[in-house]
C-alpha cells in the first residue's frame, strides 16, 4: 500500500480495465493520492487485504416458523454473507454490514475482471439487504451494482454502530469516509492488484 501511494505521487493517470483486456487511462490519480494521504486510510486497506488471507466459513442455525434451519455462510460469498443479516441480532448487524462492504471492495479491487453477479434470487437478496429498489438496479453492470451495495453497507455499519452506542473507532470512522469514496477506494485496490497481487489471486479462488 505504501509503495502504491508513493507511485501515485508521480502518476498523472491510472489505467482502468475496460472490455476484455482493453485498458484505458483515467486521469484520477490526484483523487487516489488524496485518499491514501491519511495513514489511517492506508492502514484500512492493509487491514482489509490482510483479513482475507484466511477466509471464514461455516454453518449457522436460524429459527423459522417451520423450525430450525441450517444456513451456510462464507466470507467470499456475498449472497450467503448477506443471509446472516436475517440470523443475527441488532448488536451483530454492524459487523455483518461492515464485512459485506469489505467483500464488495475486495472483490471489485482484486478481481475486477470477474465481479460476481449471482442473478435470480441471489441478486434479489443482495438488493433487499442493500436497500436498492429493483428498478434502480436495472441497467447496472456488476461493478456499478457492487459499488453501490458496498457503499450502502459501509454507511449502514457506521450508522448502526453509532446508534447502538458502540464506540466509533478510528478505523470505523474511515469506513464512513470510504463509503463516500467507494469508487476511488476500488480504483486504489485495482492499482495495488495490477502491481503486486495479480499473480497471487489464485490463492483466494483456486482453479
N, C-alpha and C. Protein backbone atom coordinates (compact mmCIF):
# COMPACT_ATOMS: atom_id res chain seq x y z
N UNK A 1 0.83 -1.20 0.00
CA UNK A 1 0.00 0.00 0.00
C UNK A 1 0.86 1.26 0.00
N UNK A 2 1.94 1.23 0.79
CA UNK A 2 2.81 2.40 0.86
C UNK A 2 3.54 2.62 -0.47
N UNK A 3 3.97 1.53 -1.10
CA UNK A 3 4.65 1.66 -2.38
C UNK A 3 3.69 2.17 -3.45
N UNK A 4 2.44 1.73 -3.40
CA UNK A 4 1.44 2.22 -4.36
C UNK A 4 1.18 3.70 -4.13
N UNK A 5 1.07 4.10 -2.87
CA UNK A 5 0.87 5.53 -2.57
C UNK A 5 2.03 6.35 -3.11
N UNK A 6 3.26 5.82 -2.98
CA UNK A 6 4.43 6.53 -3.48
C UNK A 6 4.39 6.63 -5.00
N UNK A 7 4.00 5.54 -5.66
CA UNK A 7 3.93 5.56 -7.12
C UNK A 7 2.88 6.54 -7.62
N UNK A 8 1.77 6.67 -6.89
CA UNK A 8 0.71 7.58 -7.31
C UNK A 8 1.12 9.05 -7.18
N UNK A 9 2.13 9.32 -6.35
CA UNK A 9 2.59 10.70 -6.21
C UNK A 9 3.15 11.24 -7.51
N UNK A 10 3.67 10.34 -8.36
CA UNK A 10 4.29 10.76 -9.61
C UNK A 10 3.42 10.43 -10.82
N UNK A 11 2.26 9.85 -10.60
CA UNK A 11 1.40 9.43 -11.73
C UNK A 11 0.41 10.53 -12.09
N UNK A 12 0.12 10.66 -13.37
CA UNK A 12 -0.90 11.59 -13.83
C UNK A 12 -2.20 10.87 -14.16
N UNK A 13 -2.11 9.55 -14.41
CA UNK A 13 -3.31 8.76 -14.68
C UNK A 13 -3.09 7.35 -14.15
N UNK A 14 -4.20 6.63 -14.00
CA UNK A 14 -4.16 5.22 -13.59
C UNK A 14 -5.01 4.45 -14.58
N UNK A 15 -4.52 3.30 -15.03
CA UNK A 15 -5.25 2.52 -16.02
C UNK A 15 -6.49 1.88 -15.40
N UNK A 16 -7.52 1.77 -16.22
CA UNK A 16 -8.77 1.14 -15.81
C UNK A 16 -9.08 0.04 -16.80
N UNK A 17 -9.48 -1.12 -16.28
CA UNK A 17 -9.88 -2.21 -17.17
C UNK A 17 -11.20 -1.87 -17.85
N UNK A 18 -11.25 -2.11 -19.15
CA UNK A 18 -12.49 -1.93 -19.90
C UNK A 18 -12.89 -3.31 -20.45
N UNK A 19 -13.51 -3.35 -21.61
CA UNK A 19 -13.95 -4.62 -22.17
C UNK A 19 -12.75 -5.51 -22.49
N UNK A 20 -12.87 -6.80 -22.10
CA UNK A 20 -11.80 -7.73 -22.39
C UNK A 20 -10.51 -7.31 -21.71
N UNK A 21 -9.43 -7.29 -22.51
CA UNK A 21 -8.13 -6.89 -21.97
C UNK A 21 -7.82 -5.43 -22.25
N UNK A 22 -8.77 -4.72 -22.77
CA UNK A 22 -8.56 -3.32 -23.08
C UNK A 22 -8.41 -2.51 -21.80
N UNK A 23 -7.42 -1.61 -21.80
CA UNK A 23 -7.21 -0.72 -20.67
C UNK A 23 -7.23 0.71 -21.17
N UNK A 24 -7.81 1.58 -20.38
CA UNK A 24 -7.89 2.98 -20.76
C UNK A 24 -7.31 3.83 -19.64
N UNK A 25 -6.65 4.94 -19.96
CA UNK A 25 -6.13 5.80 -18.91
C UNK A 25 -7.24 6.67 -18.30
N UNK A 26 -7.29 6.71 -16.99
CA UNK A 26 -8.24 7.56 -16.28
C UNK A 26 -7.43 8.55 -15.45
N UNK A 27 -7.66 9.83 -15.67
CA UNK A 27 -6.84 10.86 -15.04
C UNK A 27 -7.40 11.24 -13.67
N UNK A 28 -7.42 10.23 -12.78
CA UNK A 28 -7.93 10.46 -11.43
C UNK A 28 -6.86 10.22 -10.38
N UNK A 29 -5.60 10.21 -10.78
CA UNK A 29 -4.52 9.97 -9.82
C UNK A 29 -4.55 10.94 -8.64
N UNK A 30 -4.84 12.25 -8.84
CA UNK A 30 -4.89 13.14 -7.67
C UNK A 30 -5.92 12.71 -6.63
N UNK A 31 -7.09 12.23 -7.08
CA UNK A 31 -8.10 11.78 -6.12
C UNK A 31 -7.63 10.55 -5.36
N UNK A 32 -6.95 9.63 -6.04
CA UNK A 32 -6.45 8.43 -5.38
C UNK A 32 -5.33 8.78 -4.41
N UNK A 33 -4.47 9.73 -4.80
CA UNK A 33 -3.43 10.20 -3.88
C UNK A 33 -4.05 10.79 -2.62
N UNK A 34 -5.11 11.58 -2.80
CA UNK A 34 -5.77 12.18 -1.65
C UNK A 34 -6.35 11.13 -0.71
N UNK A 35 -6.88 10.05 -1.28
CA UNK A 35 -7.46 9.00 -0.44
C UNK A 35 -6.38 8.32 0.39
N UNK A 36 -5.18 8.16 -0.17
CA UNK A 36 -4.11 7.46 0.52
C UNK A 36 -3.22 8.39 1.34
N UNK A 37 -3.53 9.68 1.34
CA UNK A 37 -2.68 10.63 2.06
C UNK A 37 -2.74 10.41 3.57
N UNK A 38 -3.88 9.96 4.08
CA UNK A 38 -4.05 9.74 5.52
C UNK A 38 -3.50 8.36 5.88
N UNK A 39 -2.54 8.26 6.80
CA UNK A 39 -2.01 6.95 7.19
C UNK A 39 -3.08 5.99 7.69
N UNK A 40 -4.12 6.51 8.34
CA UNK A 40 -5.17 5.64 8.84
C UNK A 40 -5.95 5.01 7.69
N UNK A 41 -6.10 5.75 6.60
CA UNK A 41 -6.76 5.16 5.43
C UNK A 41 -5.89 4.08 4.80
N UNK A 42 -4.59 4.33 4.75
CA UNK A 42 -3.70 3.28 4.23
C UNK A 42 -3.79 2.03 5.10
N UNK A 43 -3.85 2.24 6.41
CA UNK A 43 -3.98 1.09 7.31
C UNK A 43 -5.30 0.36 7.07
N UNK A 44 -6.37 1.10 6.74
CA UNK A 44 -7.65 0.47 6.43
C UNK A 44 -7.49 -0.53 5.29
N UNK A 45 -6.79 -0.14 4.23
CA UNK A 45 -6.58 -1.04 3.09
C UNK A 45 -5.70 -2.23 3.47
N UNK A 46 -4.67 -1.96 4.27
CA UNK A 46 -3.80 -3.05 4.73
C UNK A 46 -4.62 -4.06 5.53
N UNK A 47 -5.43 -3.56 6.45
CA UNK A 47 -6.26 -4.42 7.29
C UNK A 47 -7.25 -5.22 6.44
N UNK A 48 -7.82 -4.56 5.44
CA UNK A 48 -8.79 -5.23 4.56
C UNK A 48 -8.14 -6.41 3.84
N UNK A 49 -7.00 -6.17 3.20
CA UNK A 49 -6.35 -7.24 2.45
C UNK A 49 -5.87 -8.34 3.37
N UNK A 50 -5.33 -7.97 4.52
CA UNK A 50 -4.86 -8.97 5.47
C UNK A 50 -5.99 -9.86 5.96
N UNK A 51 -7.18 -9.28 6.10
CA UNK A 51 -8.31 -10.05 6.64
C UNK A 51 -8.73 -11.18 5.72
N UNK A 52 -8.34 -11.11 4.45
CA UNK A 52 -8.73 -12.17 3.51
C UNK A 52 -7.62 -13.18 3.27
N UNK A 53 -6.53 -13.11 4.05
CA UNK A 53 -5.53 -14.16 3.93
C UNK A 53 -6.02 -15.47 4.54
N UNK A 54 -7.03 -15.37 5.40
CA UNK A 54 -7.68 -16.56 5.94
C UNK A 54 -9.18 -16.29 5.96
N UNK A 55 -9.94 -17.07 5.20
CA UNK A 55 -11.36 -16.80 5.00
C UNK A 55 -12.19 -17.67 5.93
N UNK A 56 -13.19 -17.06 6.57
CA UNK A 56 -14.08 -17.78 7.48
C UNK A 56 -15.28 -18.32 6.71
N UNK A 57 -15.70 -19.51 7.08
CA UNK A 57 -16.92 -20.11 6.54
C UNK A 57 -17.45 -21.09 7.56
N UNK A 58 -18.70 -21.45 7.40
CA UNK A 58 -19.27 -22.40 8.35
C UNK A 58 -20.78 -22.46 8.24
N UNK A 59 -21.42 -22.83 9.34
CA UNK A 59 -22.87 -23.05 9.37
C UNK A 59 -23.45 -22.33 10.57
N UNK A 60 -24.57 -21.66 10.38
CA UNK A 60 -25.34 -21.11 11.48
C UNK A 60 -26.72 -21.77 11.48
N UNK A 61 -27.41 -21.67 12.61
CA UNK A 61 -28.76 -22.21 12.72
C UNK A 61 -29.72 -21.06 12.98
N UNK A 62 -30.81 -21.05 12.24
CA UNK A 62 -31.77 -19.96 12.31
C UNK A 62 -33.15 -20.51 12.60
N UNK A 63 -33.85 -19.90 13.58
CA UNK A 63 -35.20 -20.34 13.90
C UNK A 63 -36.19 -19.75 12.90
N UNK A 64 -37.02 -20.56 12.30
CA UNK A 64 -38.04 -20.13 11.35
C UNK A 64 -39.39 -20.66 11.82
N UNK A 65 -40.49 -20.19 11.20
CA UNK A 65 -41.82 -20.73 11.58
C UNK A 65 -41.93 -22.24 11.41
N UNK A 66 -41.06 -22.82 10.57
CA UNK A 66 -41.08 -24.26 10.33
C UNK A 66 -40.05 -25.00 11.17
N UNK A 67 -39.40 -24.30 12.08
CA UNK A 67 -38.39 -24.93 12.92
C UNK A 67 -37.00 -24.37 12.63
N UNK A 68 -35.99 -25.06 13.15
CA UNK A 68 -34.63 -24.60 12.96
C UNK A 68 -34.16 -24.92 11.55
N UNK A 69 -33.46 -23.97 10.97
CA UNK A 69 -32.97 -24.12 9.60
C UNK A 69 -31.46 -23.96 9.57
N UNK A 70 -30.80 -24.89 8.91
CA UNK A 70 -29.34 -24.85 8.76
C UNK A 70 -28.98 -23.88 7.63
N UNK A 71 -28.05 -22.98 7.90
CA UNK A 71 -27.70 -21.96 6.91
C UNK A 71 -26.19 -21.83 6.82
N UNK A 72 -25.64 -22.09 5.63
CA UNK A 72 -24.21 -21.99 5.41
C UNK A 72 -23.83 -20.54 5.11
N UNK A 73 -22.57 -20.19 5.40
CA UNK A 73 -22.08 -18.87 5.05
C UNK A 73 -20.61 -18.96 4.67
N UNK A 74 -20.16 -18.02 3.89
CA UNK A 74 -18.76 -17.89 3.54
C UNK A 74 -18.46 -16.42 3.35
N UNK A 75 -17.30 -16.00 3.81
CA UNK A 75 -16.92 -14.60 3.67
C UNK A 75 -16.67 -14.20 2.22
N UNK A 76 -16.54 -15.17 1.32
CA UNK A 76 -16.32 -14.86 -0.09
C UNK A 76 -17.59 -15.02 -0.92
N UNK A 77 -18.70 -15.30 -0.28
CA UNK A 77 -19.99 -15.46 -0.97
C UNK A 77 -20.91 -14.35 -0.49
N UNK A 78 -21.12 -13.30 -1.31
CA UNK A 78 -21.91 -12.16 -0.83
C UNK A 78 -23.36 -12.53 -0.52
N UNK A 79 -23.94 -13.47 -1.26
CA UNK A 79 -25.34 -13.83 -1.01
C UNK A 79 -25.48 -14.51 0.34
N UNK A 80 -24.64 -15.50 0.61
CA UNK A 80 -24.72 -16.20 1.89
C UNK A 80 -24.32 -15.30 3.05
N UNK A 81 -23.36 -14.42 2.80
CA UNK A 81 -22.97 -13.49 3.87
C UNK A 81 -24.12 -12.55 4.19
N UNK A 82 -24.82 -12.06 3.16
CA UNK A 82 -25.98 -11.20 3.39
C UNK A 82 -27.08 -11.94 4.13
N UNK A 83 -27.16 -13.25 3.92
CA UNK A 83 -28.17 -14.04 4.63
C UNK A 83 -27.98 -14.03 6.13
N UNK A 84 -26.77 -13.75 6.61
CA UNK A 84 -26.53 -13.68 8.06
C UNK A 84 -27.31 -12.54 8.70
N UNK A 85 -27.66 -11.51 7.91
CA UNK A 85 -28.42 -10.40 8.48
C UNK A 85 -29.78 -10.85 9.00
N UNK A 86 -30.29 -11.96 8.45
CA UNK A 86 -31.57 -12.49 8.92
C UNK A 86 -31.40 -13.38 10.14
N UNK A 87 -30.14 -13.71 10.48
CA UNK A 87 -29.91 -14.68 11.54
C UNK A 87 -29.28 -14.08 12.79
N UNK A 88 -28.75 -12.86 12.70
CA UNK A 88 -28.06 -12.27 13.86
C UNK A 88 -28.92 -11.19 14.49
N UNK A 89 -28.55 -10.81 15.70
CA UNK A 89 -29.27 -9.77 16.42
C UNK A 89 -28.75 -8.39 16.08
N UNK A 90 -29.40 -7.36 16.64
CA UNK A 90 -29.02 -5.97 16.32
C UNK A 90 -27.56 -5.63 16.60
N UNK A 91 -27.01 -6.20 17.68
CA UNK A 91 -25.63 -5.86 18.03
C UNK A 91 -24.62 -6.43 17.04
N UNK A 92 -24.97 -7.54 16.37
CA UNK A 92 -24.05 -8.15 15.43
C UNK A 92 -24.19 -7.59 14.01
N UNK A 93 -25.30 -6.89 13.74
CA UNK A 93 -25.53 -6.44 12.36
C UNK A 93 -24.48 -5.45 11.85
N UNK A 94 -24.01 -4.49 12.67
CA UNK A 94 -22.97 -3.59 12.14
C UNK A 94 -21.75 -4.34 11.63
N UNK A 95 -21.36 -5.41 12.33
CA UNK A 95 -20.21 -6.19 11.89
C UNK A 95 -20.46 -6.91 10.58
N UNK A 96 -21.68 -7.42 10.40
CA UNK A 96 -22.01 -8.09 9.14
C UNK A 96 -22.05 -7.08 8.00
N UNK A 97 -22.66 -5.91 8.25
CA UNK A 97 -22.68 -4.88 7.22
C UNK A 97 -21.26 -4.45 6.85
N UNK A 98 -20.41 -4.30 7.86
CA UNK A 98 -19.02 -3.92 7.58
C UNK A 98 -18.36 -4.98 6.70
N UNK A 99 -18.59 -6.25 7.03
CA UNK A 99 -17.93 -7.32 6.26
C UNK A 99 -18.50 -7.40 4.84
N UNK A 100 -19.77 -7.11 4.68
CA UNK A 100 -20.34 -7.07 3.34
C UNK A 100 -19.70 -5.96 2.50
N UNK A 101 -19.52 -4.79 3.11
CA UNK A 101 -18.84 -3.72 2.41
C UNK A 101 -17.41 -4.09 2.08
N UNK A 102 -16.72 -4.74 3.04
CA UNK A 102 -15.37 -5.21 2.79
C UNK A 102 -15.32 -6.14 1.59
N UNK A 103 -16.28 -7.07 1.54
CA UNK A 103 -16.27 -8.07 0.47
C UNK A 103 -16.49 -7.41 -0.89
N UNK A 104 -17.41 -6.47 -0.97
CA UNK A 104 -17.62 -5.76 -2.24
C UNK A 104 -16.34 -5.06 -2.67
N UNK A 105 -15.69 -4.39 -1.75
CA UNK A 105 -14.47 -3.67 -2.10
C UNK A 105 -13.35 -4.64 -2.46
N UNK A 106 -13.23 -5.74 -1.74
CA UNK A 106 -12.20 -6.72 -2.02
C UNK A 106 -12.40 -7.36 -3.40
N UNK A 107 -13.62 -7.80 -3.68
CA UNK A 107 -13.87 -8.46 -4.96
C UNK A 107 -13.67 -7.50 -6.14
N UNK A 108 -14.18 -6.28 -6.01
CA UNK A 108 -14.02 -5.31 -7.10
C UNK A 108 -12.59 -4.84 -7.23
N UNK A 109 -11.86 -4.79 -6.11
CA UNK A 109 -10.50 -4.29 -6.16
C UNK A 109 -9.50 -5.31 -6.64
N UNK A 110 -9.66 -6.56 -6.22
CA UNK A 110 -8.69 -7.60 -6.54
C UNK A 110 -9.12 -8.45 -7.73
N UNK A 111 -10.42 -8.56 -7.97
CA UNK A 111 -10.94 -9.37 -9.08
C UNK A 111 -11.86 -8.54 -9.97
N UNK A 112 -11.37 -7.40 -10.47
CA UNK A 112 -12.25 -6.52 -11.26
C UNK A 112 -12.69 -7.12 -12.58
N UNK A 113 -11.95 -8.13 -13.06
CA UNK A 113 -12.32 -8.76 -14.31
C UNK A 113 -13.40 -9.80 -14.14
N UNK A 114 -13.66 -10.22 -12.91
CA UNK A 114 -14.70 -11.22 -12.67
C UNK A 114 -15.55 -10.88 -11.45
N UNK A 115 -16.17 -9.70 -11.41
CA UNK A 115 -17.04 -9.41 -10.25
C UNK A 115 -18.25 -10.32 -10.27
N UNK A 116 -18.64 -10.86 -9.13
CA UNK A 116 -19.74 -11.84 -9.10
C UNK A 116 -21.10 -11.15 -9.23
N UNK A 117 -21.96 -11.72 -10.01
CA UNK A 117 -23.35 -11.26 -10.10
C UNK A 117 -24.21 -12.51 -10.06
N UNK A 118 -24.79 -12.84 -8.90
CA UNK A 118 -25.43 -14.14 -8.75
C UNK A 118 -26.66 -14.34 -9.61
N UNK A 119 -27.44 -13.30 -9.83
CA UNK A 119 -28.65 -13.44 -10.62
C UNK A 119 -29.78 -14.08 -9.82
N UNK A 120 -31.00 -13.91 -10.31
CA UNK A 120 -32.16 -14.55 -9.69
C UNK A 120 -32.37 -14.15 -8.26
N UNK A 121 -32.65 -15.17 -7.42
CA UNK A 121 -32.96 -14.92 -6.02
C UNK A 121 -31.75 -14.34 -5.28
N UNK A 122 -30.53 -14.71 -5.73
CA UNK A 122 -29.33 -14.18 -5.08
C UNK A 122 -29.24 -12.69 -5.22
N UNK A 123 -29.46 -12.19 -6.42
CA UNK A 123 -29.43 -10.75 -6.64
C UNK A 123 -30.55 -10.06 -5.86
N UNK A 124 -31.72 -10.67 -5.83
CA UNK A 124 -32.85 -10.10 -5.08
C UNK A 124 -32.50 -9.96 -3.60
N UNK A 125 -31.82 -10.96 -3.04
CA UNK A 125 -31.43 -10.87 -1.63
C UNK A 125 -30.46 -9.73 -1.40
N UNK A 126 -29.46 -9.59 -2.30
CA UNK A 126 -28.49 -8.51 -2.15
C UNK A 126 -29.16 -7.15 -2.25
N UNK A 127 -30.08 -7.00 -3.20
CA UNK A 127 -30.77 -5.72 -3.37
C UNK A 127 -31.62 -5.42 -2.14
N UNK A 128 -32.28 -6.44 -1.60
CA UNK A 128 -33.14 -6.23 -0.43
C UNK A 128 -32.30 -5.78 0.77
N UNK A 129 -31.21 -6.48 1.01
CA UNK A 129 -30.38 -6.13 2.16
C UNK A 129 -29.57 -4.86 1.91
N UNK A 130 -29.43 -4.47 0.65
CA UNK A 130 -28.73 -3.24 0.34
C UNK A 130 -29.64 -2.05 0.20
N UNK A 131 -30.97 -2.28 0.36
CA UNK A 131 -31.92 -1.19 0.25
C UNK A 131 -31.98 -0.58 -1.14
N UNK A 132 -31.68 -1.38 -2.17
CA UNK A 132 -31.69 -0.89 -3.55
C UNK A 132 -32.94 -1.41 -4.24
N UNK A 133 -33.86 -0.53 -4.65
CA UNK A 133 -35.05 -0.99 -5.38
C UNK A 133 -34.65 -1.68 -6.69
N UNK A 134 -35.41 -2.70 -7.05
CA UNK A 134 -35.10 -3.46 -8.25
C UNK A 134 -35.02 -2.60 -9.49
N UNK A 135 -35.92 -1.60 -9.59
CA UNK A 135 -35.91 -0.75 -10.78
C UNK A 135 -34.64 0.10 -10.86
N UNK A 136 -34.06 0.44 -9.68
CA UNK A 136 -32.82 1.21 -9.69
C UNK A 136 -31.64 0.37 -10.14
N UNK A 137 -31.73 -0.95 -9.96
CA UNK A 137 -30.62 -1.83 -10.33
C UNK A 137 -30.64 -2.19 -11.81
N UNK A 138 -31.76 -1.95 -12.47
CA UNK A 138 -31.85 -2.30 -13.89
C UNK A 138 -30.84 -1.48 -14.69
N UNK A 139 -30.09 -2.15 -15.52
CA UNK A 139 -29.12 -1.46 -16.35
C UNK A 139 -27.75 -1.30 -15.71
N UNK A 140 -27.64 -1.62 -14.40
CA UNK A 140 -26.34 -1.55 -13.74
C UNK A 140 -25.54 -2.82 -14.02
N UNK A 141 -24.28 -2.67 -14.38
CA UNK A 141 -23.45 -3.85 -14.52
C UNK A 141 -22.97 -4.28 -13.13
N UNK A 142 -22.22 -5.40 -13.07
CA UNK A 142 -21.83 -5.95 -11.78
C UNK A 142 -20.97 -4.97 -10.99
N UNK A 143 -20.07 -4.26 -11.67
CA UNK A 143 -19.18 -3.34 -10.96
C UNK A 143 -19.99 -2.20 -10.34
N UNK A 144 -20.86 -1.59 -11.13
CA UNK A 144 -21.66 -0.47 -10.62
C UNK A 144 -22.58 -0.92 -9.48
N UNK A 145 -23.16 -2.11 -9.61
CA UNK A 145 -24.06 -2.61 -8.57
C UNK A 145 -23.31 -2.87 -7.27
N UNK A 146 -22.15 -3.50 -7.35
CA UNK A 146 -21.40 -3.81 -6.13
C UNK A 146 -20.80 -2.55 -5.52
N UNK A 147 -20.47 -1.55 -6.33
CA UNK A 147 -20.02 -0.28 -5.76
C UNK A 147 -21.15 0.35 -4.95
N UNK A 148 -22.35 0.32 -5.49
CA UNK A 148 -23.47 0.92 -4.77
C UNK A 148 -23.78 0.14 -3.50
N UNK A 149 -23.80 -1.19 -3.60
CA UNK A 149 -24.08 -2.01 -2.41
C UNK A 149 -23.01 -1.83 -1.35
N UNK A 150 -21.74 -1.85 -1.77
CA UNK A 150 -20.66 -1.70 -0.81
C UNK A 150 -20.71 -0.38 -0.07
N UNK A 151 -20.98 0.68 -0.80
CA UNK A 151 -21.10 2.00 -0.18
C UNK A 151 -22.26 2.03 0.81
N UNK A 152 -23.39 1.46 0.41
CA UNK A 152 -24.57 1.43 1.28
C UNK A 152 -24.30 0.62 2.54
N UNK A 153 -23.64 -0.51 2.40
CA UNK A 153 -23.38 -1.36 3.57
C UNK A 153 -22.38 -0.73 4.52
N UNK A 154 -21.38 -0.03 4.00
CA UNK A 154 -20.45 0.68 4.88
C UNK A 154 -21.18 1.77 5.68
N UNK A 155 -22.06 2.50 5.01
CA UNK A 155 -22.83 3.53 5.73
C UNK A 155 -23.70 2.90 6.81
N UNK A 156 -24.33 1.75 6.49
CA UNK A 156 -25.17 1.08 7.47
C UNK A 156 -24.34 0.63 8.67
N UNK A 157 -23.13 0.15 8.44
CA UNK A 157 -22.28 -0.32 9.54
C UNK A 157 -21.96 0.82 10.49
N UNK A 158 -21.57 1.97 9.96
CA UNK A 158 -21.21 3.10 10.83
C UNK A 158 -22.45 3.67 11.52
N UNK A 159 -23.57 3.75 10.80
CA UNK A 159 -24.79 4.32 11.38
C UNK A 159 -25.32 3.44 12.51
N UNK A 160 -25.39 2.12 12.27
CA UNK A 160 -25.94 1.23 13.28
C UNK A 160 -25.02 1.11 14.48
N UNK A 161 -23.70 1.12 14.24
CA UNK A 161 -22.77 1.05 15.37
C UNK A 161 -22.92 2.27 16.26
N UNK A 162 -23.02 3.44 15.67
CA UNK A 162 -23.18 4.66 16.46
C UNK A 162 -24.53 4.66 17.16
N UNK A 163 -25.59 4.19 16.49
CA UNK A 163 -26.91 4.15 17.09
C UNK A 163 -27.02 3.18 18.24
N UNK A 164 -26.19 2.13 18.22
CA UNK A 164 -26.22 1.14 19.30
C UNK A 164 -25.31 1.52 20.45
N UNK A 165 -24.70 2.71 20.34
CA UNK A 165 -23.82 3.16 21.41
C UNK A 165 -22.45 2.53 21.38
N UNK A 166 -22.10 1.83 20.31
CA UNK A 166 -20.77 1.25 20.21
C UNK A 166 -19.76 2.34 19.90
N UNK A 167 -18.54 2.22 20.41
CA UNK A 167 -17.53 3.26 20.16
C UNK A 167 -17.16 3.33 18.68
N UNK A 168 -17.10 4.53 18.15
CA UNK A 168 -16.70 4.73 16.76
C UNK A 168 -15.18 4.87 16.75
N UNK A 169 -14.51 3.77 16.47
CA UNK A 169 -13.05 3.76 16.45
C UNK A 169 -12.54 4.53 15.24
N UNK A 170 -11.23 4.76 15.21
CA UNK A 170 -10.65 5.44 14.07
C UNK A 170 -10.87 4.68 12.78
N UNK A 171 -10.74 3.35 12.85
CA UNK A 171 -10.95 2.53 11.65
C UNK A 171 -12.39 2.61 11.18
N UNK A 172 -13.34 2.58 12.12
CA UNK A 172 -14.75 2.67 11.73
C UNK A 172 -15.07 4.04 11.14
N UNK A 173 -14.42 5.08 11.64
CA UNK A 173 -14.61 6.40 11.04
C UNK A 173 -14.12 6.42 9.61
N UNK A 174 -13.02 5.71 9.34
CA UNK A 174 -12.52 5.61 7.96
C UNK A 174 -13.51 4.85 7.10
N UNK A 175 -14.17 3.85 7.65
CA UNK A 175 -15.20 3.12 6.89
C UNK A 175 -16.26 4.09 6.39
N UNK A 176 -16.68 5.02 7.24
CA UNK A 176 -17.65 6.02 6.81
C UNK A 176 -17.10 6.91 5.71
N UNK A 177 -15.82 7.25 5.77
CA UNK A 177 -15.22 8.06 4.72
C UNK A 177 -15.13 7.28 3.41
N UNK A 178 -14.75 6.01 3.50
CA UNK A 178 -14.64 5.19 2.29
C UNK A 178 -16.01 4.97 1.66
N UNK A 179 -17.06 4.95 2.48
CA UNK A 179 -18.41 4.81 1.93
C UNK A 179 -18.71 5.92 0.93
N UNK A 180 -18.21 7.12 1.21
CA UNK A 180 -18.44 8.25 0.30
C UNK A 180 -17.45 8.29 -0.86
N UNK A 181 -16.41 7.45 -0.78
CA UNK A 181 -15.38 7.46 -1.84
C UNK A 181 -15.11 6.02 -2.29
N UNK A 182 -16.19 5.25 -2.38
CA UNK A 182 -16.04 3.82 -2.66
C UNK A 182 -15.42 3.58 -4.02
N UNK A 183 -15.83 4.36 -5.02
CA UNK A 183 -15.27 4.19 -6.37
C UNK A 183 -13.75 4.42 -6.35
N UNK A 184 -13.31 5.45 -5.66
CA UNK A 184 -11.88 5.72 -5.58
C UNK A 184 -11.16 4.62 -4.82
N UNK A 185 -11.78 4.11 -3.76
CA UNK A 185 -11.17 3.02 -2.99
C UNK A 185 -11.02 1.78 -3.87
N UNK A 186 -12.02 1.50 -4.66
CA UNK A 186 -11.93 0.36 -5.58
C UNK A 186 -10.79 0.55 -6.56
N UNK A 187 -10.62 1.77 -7.07
CA UNK A 187 -9.55 2.05 -8.03
C UNK A 187 -8.17 1.94 -7.38
N UNK A 188 -8.07 2.31 -6.11
CA UNK A 188 -6.80 2.14 -5.40
C UNK A 188 -6.42 0.67 -5.34
N UNK A 189 -7.38 -0.20 -4.99
CA UNK A 189 -7.07 -1.62 -4.91
C UNK A 189 -6.80 -2.20 -6.29
N UNK A 190 -7.43 -1.68 -7.33
CA UNK A 190 -7.09 -2.12 -8.69
C UNK A 190 -5.63 -1.84 -8.98
N UNK A 191 -5.15 -0.66 -8.58
CA UNK A 191 -3.74 -0.31 -8.81
C UNK A 191 -2.82 -1.24 -8.02
N UNK A 192 -3.17 -1.54 -6.77
CA UNK A 192 -2.37 -2.47 -5.97
C UNK A 192 -2.35 -3.85 -6.61
N UNK A 193 -3.50 -4.29 -7.09
CA UNK A 193 -3.59 -5.62 -7.71
C UNK A 193 -2.74 -5.69 -8.96
N UNK A 194 -2.81 -4.68 -9.81
CA UNK A 194 -2.03 -4.68 -11.05
C UNK A 194 -0.54 -4.75 -10.75
N UNK A 195 -0.10 -4.07 -9.70
CA UNK A 195 1.33 -4.00 -9.40
C UNK A 195 1.84 -5.21 -8.63
N UNK A 196 1.03 -5.75 -7.70
CA UNK A 196 1.57 -6.72 -6.76
C UNK A 196 0.75 -8.00 -6.59
N UNK A 197 -0.57 -7.94 -6.70
CA UNK A 197 -1.39 -9.07 -6.28
C UNK A 197 -1.84 -9.98 -7.40
N UNK A 198 -1.75 -9.54 -8.66
CA UNK A 198 -2.34 -10.32 -9.75
C UNK A 198 -1.86 -11.77 -9.76
N UNK A 199 -0.56 -12.06 -9.59
CA UNK A 199 -0.14 -13.47 -9.63
C UNK A 199 -0.64 -14.29 -8.44
N UNK A 200 -1.09 -13.62 -7.36
CA UNK A 200 -1.46 -14.33 -6.14
C UNK A 200 -2.96 -14.60 -6.03
N UNK A 201 -3.74 -14.14 -7.01
CA UNK A 201 -5.20 -14.20 -6.84
C UNK A 201 -5.73 -15.62 -6.77
N UNK A 202 -5.02 -16.57 -7.40
CA UNK A 202 -5.48 -17.95 -7.39
C UNK A 202 -5.51 -18.58 -6.01
N UNK A 203 -4.82 -17.96 -5.03
CA UNK A 203 -4.87 -18.49 -3.68
C UNK A 203 -6.24 -18.26 -3.04
N UNK A 204 -6.97 -17.24 -3.51
CA UNK A 204 -8.31 -16.99 -2.97
C UNK A 204 -9.34 -17.84 -3.69
N UNK A 205 -9.21 -17.97 -5.00
CA UNK A 205 -10.16 -18.77 -5.79
C UNK A 205 -9.38 -19.76 -6.64
N UNK A 206 -8.90 -20.85 -6.07
CA UNK A 206 -8.11 -21.82 -6.84
C UNK A 206 -8.91 -22.39 -8.00
N UNK A 207 -8.24 -22.53 -9.13
CA UNK A 207 -8.88 -23.15 -10.29
C UNK A 207 -9.95 -22.29 -10.90
